[in-house]
N, C-alpha and C. Protein backbone atom coordinates (compact mmCIF):
# COMPACT_ATOMS: atom_id res chain seq x y z
N MET A 1 18.75 12.42 -56.77
CA MET A 1 19.18 11.17 -56.19
C MET A 1 20.69 11.09 -56.17
N VAL A 2 21.20 10.54 -55.08
CA VAL A 2 22.63 10.34 -54.94
C VAL A 2 22.89 8.85 -54.95
N GLN A 3 23.82 8.43 -55.76
CA GLN A 3 24.10 7.01 -55.84
C GLN A 3 25.34 6.71 -54.99
N ARG A 4 25.19 5.81 -54.05
CA ARG A 4 26.29 5.40 -53.19
C ARG A 4 26.55 3.92 -53.44
N VAL A 5 27.78 3.57 -53.61
CA VAL A 5 28.13 2.16 -53.83
C VAL A 5 28.67 1.63 -52.51
N ILE A 6 28.04 0.59 -52.02
CA ILE A 6 28.49 -0.08 -50.81
C ILE A 6 29.16 -1.36 -51.27
N PHE A 7 30.47 -1.42 -51.09
CA PHE A 7 31.24 -2.53 -51.62
C PHE A 7 30.92 -3.81 -50.86
N GLY A 8 30.82 -4.89 -51.61
CA GLY A 8 30.60 -6.20 -51.04
C GLY A 8 29.16 -6.50 -50.70
N VAL A 9 28.25 -5.58 -51.02
CA VAL A 9 26.85 -5.78 -50.67
C VAL A 9 26.04 -6.21 -51.88
N GLY A 10 26.50 -5.94 -53.05
CA GLY A 10 25.75 -6.29 -54.25
C GLY A 10 25.59 -5.08 -55.13
N ARG A 11 24.38 -4.88 -55.58
CA ARG A 11 24.15 -3.77 -56.49
C ARG A 11 24.19 -2.44 -55.73
N PRO A 12 24.53 -1.36 -56.44
CA PRO A 12 24.59 -0.04 -55.81
C PRO A 12 23.24 0.37 -55.23
N ARG A 13 23.27 1.06 -54.13
CA ARG A 13 22.04 1.56 -53.51
C ARG A 13 21.91 3.05 -53.80
N THR A 14 20.70 3.48 -53.93
CA THR A 14 20.44 4.88 -54.22
C THR A 14 19.72 5.52 -53.05
N PHE A 15 20.26 6.62 -52.60
CA PHE A 15 19.67 7.36 -51.48
C PHE A 15 19.33 8.76 -51.97
N SER A 16 18.23 9.27 -51.51
CA SER A 16 17.89 10.64 -51.88
C SER A 16 18.77 11.59 -51.08
N ARG A 17 19.05 12.74 -51.64
CA ARG A 17 19.91 13.71 -50.97
C ARG A 17 19.36 14.11 -49.60
N PRO A 18 18.05 14.34 -49.44
CA PRO A 18 17.55 14.70 -48.11
C PRO A 18 17.80 13.60 -47.07
N SER A 19 17.69 12.32 -47.45
CA SER A 19 17.92 11.26 -46.47
C SER A 19 19.39 11.19 -46.07
N VAL A 20 20.30 11.46 -47.01
CA VAL A 20 21.73 11.50 -46.70
C VAL A 20 22.01 12.63 -45.72
N ILE A 21 21.40 13.77 -45.94
CA ILE A 21 21.60 14.93 -45.06
C ILE A 21 21.07 14.63 -43.66
N VAL A 22 19.90 13.99 -43.57
CA VAL A 22 19.32 13.65 -42.28
C VAL A 22 20.21 12.68 -41.52
N VAL A 23 20.71 11.67 -42.19
CA VAL A 23 21.57 10.68 -41.53
C VAL A 23 22.87 11.33 -41.06
N ARG A 24 23.49 12.13 -41.90
CA ARG A 24 24.72 12.82 -41.51
C ARG A 24 24.47 13.76 -40.34
N SER A 25 23.37 14.47 -40.37
CA SER A 25 23.04 15.38 -39.27
C SER A 25 22.82 14.62 -37.97
N ALA A 26 22.13 13.49 -38.04
CA ALA A 26 21.89 12.69 -36.84
C ALA A 26 23.20 12.15 -36.28
N LEU A 27 24.09 11.69 -37.15
CA LEU A 27 25.39 11.20 -36.69
C LEU A 27 26.22 12.31 -36.06
N ALA A 28 26.20 13.49 -36.67
CA ALA A 28 26.94 14.62 -36.11
C ALA A 28 26.37 15.01 -34.74
N ALA A 29 25.06 15.02 -34.61
CA ALA A 29 24.43 15.35 -33.33
C ALA A 29 24.77 14.31 -32.27
N ALA A 30 24.77 13.03 -32.64
CA ALA A 30 25.12 11.97 -31.69
C ALA A 30 26.56 12.11 -31.23
N CYS A 31 27.46 12.44 -32.14
CA CYS A 31 28.87 12.64 -31.76
C CYS A 31 29.02 13.84 -30.83
N LEU A 32 28.31 14.90 -31.12
CA LEU A 32 28.37 16.09 -30.28
C LEU A 32 27.83 15.80 -28.88
N ILE A 33 26.72 15.11 -28.79
CA ILE A 33 26.14 14.77 -27.49
C ILE A 33 27.08 13.86 -26.70
N GLY A 34 27.69 12.89 -27.35
CA GLY A 34 28.64 12.00 -26.69
C GLY A 34 29.85 12.76 -26.16
N THR A 35 30.37 13.67 -26.97
CA THR A 35 31.52 14.47 -26.55
C THR A 35 31.16 15.35 -25.35
N LEU A 36 30.01 15.98 -25.39
CA LEU A 36 29.59 16.82 -24.26
C LEU A 36 29.40 16.00 -23.00
N ALA A 37 28.84 14.81 -23.12
CA ALA A 37 28.66 13.95 -21.95
C ALA A 37 30.00 13.58 -21.32
N LEU A 38 30.99 13.27 -22.15
CA LEU A 38 32.33 12.96 -21.64
C LEU A 38 32.96 14.15 -20.94
N LEU A 39 32.83 15.32 -21.55
CA LEU A 39 33.41 16.52 -20.94
C LEU A 39 32.74 16.85 -19.61
N LEU A 40 31.43 16.72 -19.55
CA LEU A 40 30.72 17.02 -18.31
C LEU A 40 31.08 16.04 -17.20
N SER A 41 31.29 14.78 -17.54
CA SER A 41 31.66 13.80 -16.52
C SER A 41 33.06 14.09 -15.98
N ARG A 42 33.96 14.54 -16.84
CA ARG A 42 35.31 14.90 -16.38
C ARG A 42 35.27 16.13 -15.48
N VAL A 43 34.47 17.12 -15.83
CA VAL A 43 34.35 18.33 -15.01
C VAL A 43 33.77 17.97 -13.65
N SER A 44 32.78 17.11 -13.63
CA SER A 44 32.17 16.68 -12.38
C SER A 44 33.18 15.96 -11.49
N ALA A 45 33.99 15.09 -12.08
CA ALA A 45 35.01 14.37 -11.32
C ALA A 45 36.05 15.33 -10.77
N GLN A 46 36.43 16.34 -11.54
CA GLN A 46 37.40 17.32 -11.07
C GLN A 46 36.82 18.15 -9.93
N ASP A 47 35.54 18.50 -10.00
CA ASP A 47 34.90 19.26 -8.93
C ASP A 47 34.90 18.45 -7.63
N THR A 48 34.58 17.17 -7.73
CA THR A 48 34.56 16.31 -6.55
C THR A 48 35.95 16.19 -5.96
N ARG A 49 36.95 16.04 -6.80
CA ARG A 49 38.33 15.94 -6.33
C ARG A 49 38.76 17.24 -5.65
N SER A 50 38.38 18.37 -6.22
CA SER A 50 38.72 19.66 -5.65
C SER A 50 38.07 19.85 -4.29
N GLU A 51 36.81 19.45 -4.17
CA GLU A 51 36.11 19.55 -2.88
C GLU A 51 36.77 18.67 -1.84
N ALA A 52 37.19 17.47 -2.23
CA ALA A 52 37.85 16.55 -1.31
C ALA A 52 39.19 17.14 -0.86
N ARG A 53 39.93 17.72 -1.77
CA ARG A 53 41.21 18.35 -1.39
C ARG A 53 40.99 19.46 -0.37
N GLN A 54 40.00 20.28 -0.61
CA GLN A 54 39.72 21.39 0.30
C GLN A 54 39.30 20.88 1.67
N ALA A 55 38.44 19.86 1.70
CA ALA A 55 37.94 19.33 2.97
C ALA A 55 39.03 18.62 3.76
N CYS A 56 40.01 18.04 3.07
CA CYS A 56 41.03 17.22 3.74
C CYS A 56 42.39 17.91 3.86
N LYS A 57 42.46 19.18 3.53
CA LYS A 57 43.74 19.88 3.52
C LYS A 57 44.42 19.83 4.89
N ALA A 58 43.69 20.18 5.94
CA ALA A 58 44.26 20.18 7.29
C ALA A 58 44.60 18.76 7.75
N ASP A 59 43.74 17.80 7.43
CA ASP A 59 43.99 16.41 7.80
C ASP A 59 45.23 15.86 7.08
N TYR A 60 45.39 16.22 5.84
CA TYR A 60 46.57 15.80 5.10
C TYR A 60 47.83 16.36 5.76
N SER A 61 47.80 17.65 6.10
CA SER A 61 48.96 18.27 6.73
C SER A 61 49.28 17.62 8.07
N ARG A 62 48.26 17.27 8.81
CA ARG A 62 48.43 16.70 10.15
C ARG A 62 48.86 15.23 10.10
N LEU A 63 48.26 14.45 9.20
CA LEU A 63 48.45 13.00 9.23
C LEU A 63 49.33 12.44 8.12
N CYS A 64 49.36 13.11 6.98
CA CYS A 64 50.00 12.51 5.81
C CYS A 64 51.03 13.42 5.14
N SER A 65 51.58 14.38 5.87
CA SER A 65 52.48 15.36 5.24
C SER A 65 53.75 14.71 4.70
N GLY A 66 54.16 13.57 5.23
CA GLY A 66 55.36 12.90 4.74
C GLY A 66 55.12 12.05 3.50
N ILE A 67 53.89 11.96 3.06
CA ILE A 67 53.52 11.14 1.90
C ILE A 67 53.58 12.01 0.65
N SER A 68 54.30 11.54 -0.36
CA SER A 68 54.34 12.30 -1.61
C SER A 68 53.12 11.93 -2.46
N PRO A 69 52.47 12.93 -3.05
CA PRO A 69 51.28 12.68 -3.86
C PRO A 69 51.59 11.83 -5.09
N GLY A 70 50.57 11.10 -5.53
CA GLY A 70 50.68 10.30 -6.74
C GLY A 70 50.54 8.82 -6.43
N GLY A 71 49.95 8.12 -7.35
CA GLY A 71 49.81 6.68 -7.22
C GLY A 71 48.83 6.23 -6.15
N GLY A 72 47.99 7.14 -5.68
CA GLY A 72 46.99 6.77 -4.68
C GLY A 72 47.54 6.72 -3.25
N ARG A 73 48.78 7.21 -3.05
CA ARG A 73 49.39 7.14 -1.72
C ARG A 73 48.68 8.03 -0.70
N VAL A 74 48.28 9.22 -1.11
CA VAL A 74 47.58 10.13 -0.19
C VAL A 74 46.21 9.55 0.17
N ARG A 75 45.50 9.03 -0.82
CA ARG A 75 44.19 8.42 -0.56
C ARG A 75 44.34 7.25 0.41
N LYS A 76 45.39 6.44 0.23
CA LYS A 76 45.63 5.31 1.12
C LYS A 76 45.93 5.79 2.53
N CYS A 77 46.74 6.83 2.66
CA CYS A 77 47.06 7.39 3.97
C CYS A 77 45.80 7.89 4.66
N LEU A 78 44.96 8.61 3.92
CA LEU A 78 43.71 9.12 4.51
C LEU A 78 42.79 7.96 4.90
N ASN A 79 42.72 6.93 4.08
CA ASN A 79 41.89 5.77 4.42
C ASN A 79 42.44 5.03 5.63
N ASP A 80 43.78 4.92 5.72
CA ASP A 80 44.40 4.25 6.86
C ASP A 80 44.15 5.00 8.16
N ASN A 81 44.00 6.32 8.07
CA ASN A 81 43.77 7.15 9.25
C ASN A 81 42.33 7.67 9.32
N PHE A 82 41.41 6.92 8.76
CA PHE A 82 40.03 7.37 8.61
C PHE A 82 39.41 7.82 9.94
N ASP A 83 39.65 7.08 11.03
CA ASP A 83 39.05 7.42 12.32
C ASP A 83 39.55 8.76 12.86
N ALA A 84 40.74 9.19 12.46
CA ALA A 84 41.32 10.44 12.96
C ALA A 84 40.96 11.64 12.08
N LEU A 85 40.26 11.43 10.98
CA LEU A 85 39.92 12.52 10.05
C LEU A 85 38.80 13.39 10.61
N SER A 86 38.79 14.64 10.16
CA SER A 86 37.67 15.54 10.50
C SER A 86 36.42 15.04 9.79
N GLU A 87 35.27 15.47 10.28
CA GLU A 87 34.01 15.00 9.70
C GLU A 87 33.86 15.37 8.21
N PRO A 88 34.18 16.63 7.81
CA PRO A 88 34.07 16.96 6.37
C PRO A 88 34.99 16.10 5.50
N CYS A 89 36.19 15.80 6.01
CA CYS A 89 37.12 14.97 5.25
C CYS A 89 36.61 13.53 5.17
N LYS A 90 36.05 13.03 6.25
CA LYS A 90 35.47 11.68 6.24
C LYS A 90 34.39 11.57 5.17
N GLN A 91 33.54 12.59 5.10
CA GLN A 91 32.47 12.58 4.10
C GLN A 91 33.04 12.61 2.68
N ALA A 92 34.08 13.44 2.48
CA ALA A 92 34.68 13.55 1.16
C ALA A 92 35.37 12.24 0.77
N VAL A 93 36.08 11.63 1.70
CA VAL A 93 36.77 10.35 1.42
C VAL A 93 35.75 9.26 1.14
N SER A 94 34.68 9.24 1.92
CA SER A 94 33.62 8.23 1.71
C SER A 94 32.94 8.43 0.36
N ALA A 95 32.68 9.67 0.00
CA ALA A 95 32.03 9.96 -1.29
C ALA A 95 32.93 9.54 -2.45
N ARG A 96 34.22 9.78 -2.34
CA ARG A 96 35.15 9.40 -3.40
C ARG A 96 35.28 7.88 -3.49
N ALA A 97 35.23 7.21 -2.36
CA ALA A 97 35.35 5.75 -2.36
C ALA A 97 34.10 5.11 -2.95
N GLY A 98 32.94 5.75 -2.80
CA GLY A 98 31.70 5.22 -3.30
C GLY A 98 31.51 5.37 -4.79
N ARG A 99 32.37 6.12 -5.45
CA ARG A 99 32.23 6.35 -6.88
C ARG A 99 32.54 5.15 -7.63
């Protein structure tokens, strides 16, 4: 038996060593799963962004070459010129806007 004192709760509580191990293992697994979920969502967002860049490369050069990247300026330029975009770029811009 392992004795753990939880301050402010009253008398000390006693937990068996196997139950402490199970709880710690469950918490470690939950943290690992949460971390993996965050990493996978970031990778997915980067893939979508990369696909959009590739699809809109020619449209950017044609319509927005004077716009410096950053702060959403390129996205705004592409949205402002949506009717003039190629079909693959329109799909990529629409997919990014729908996120």
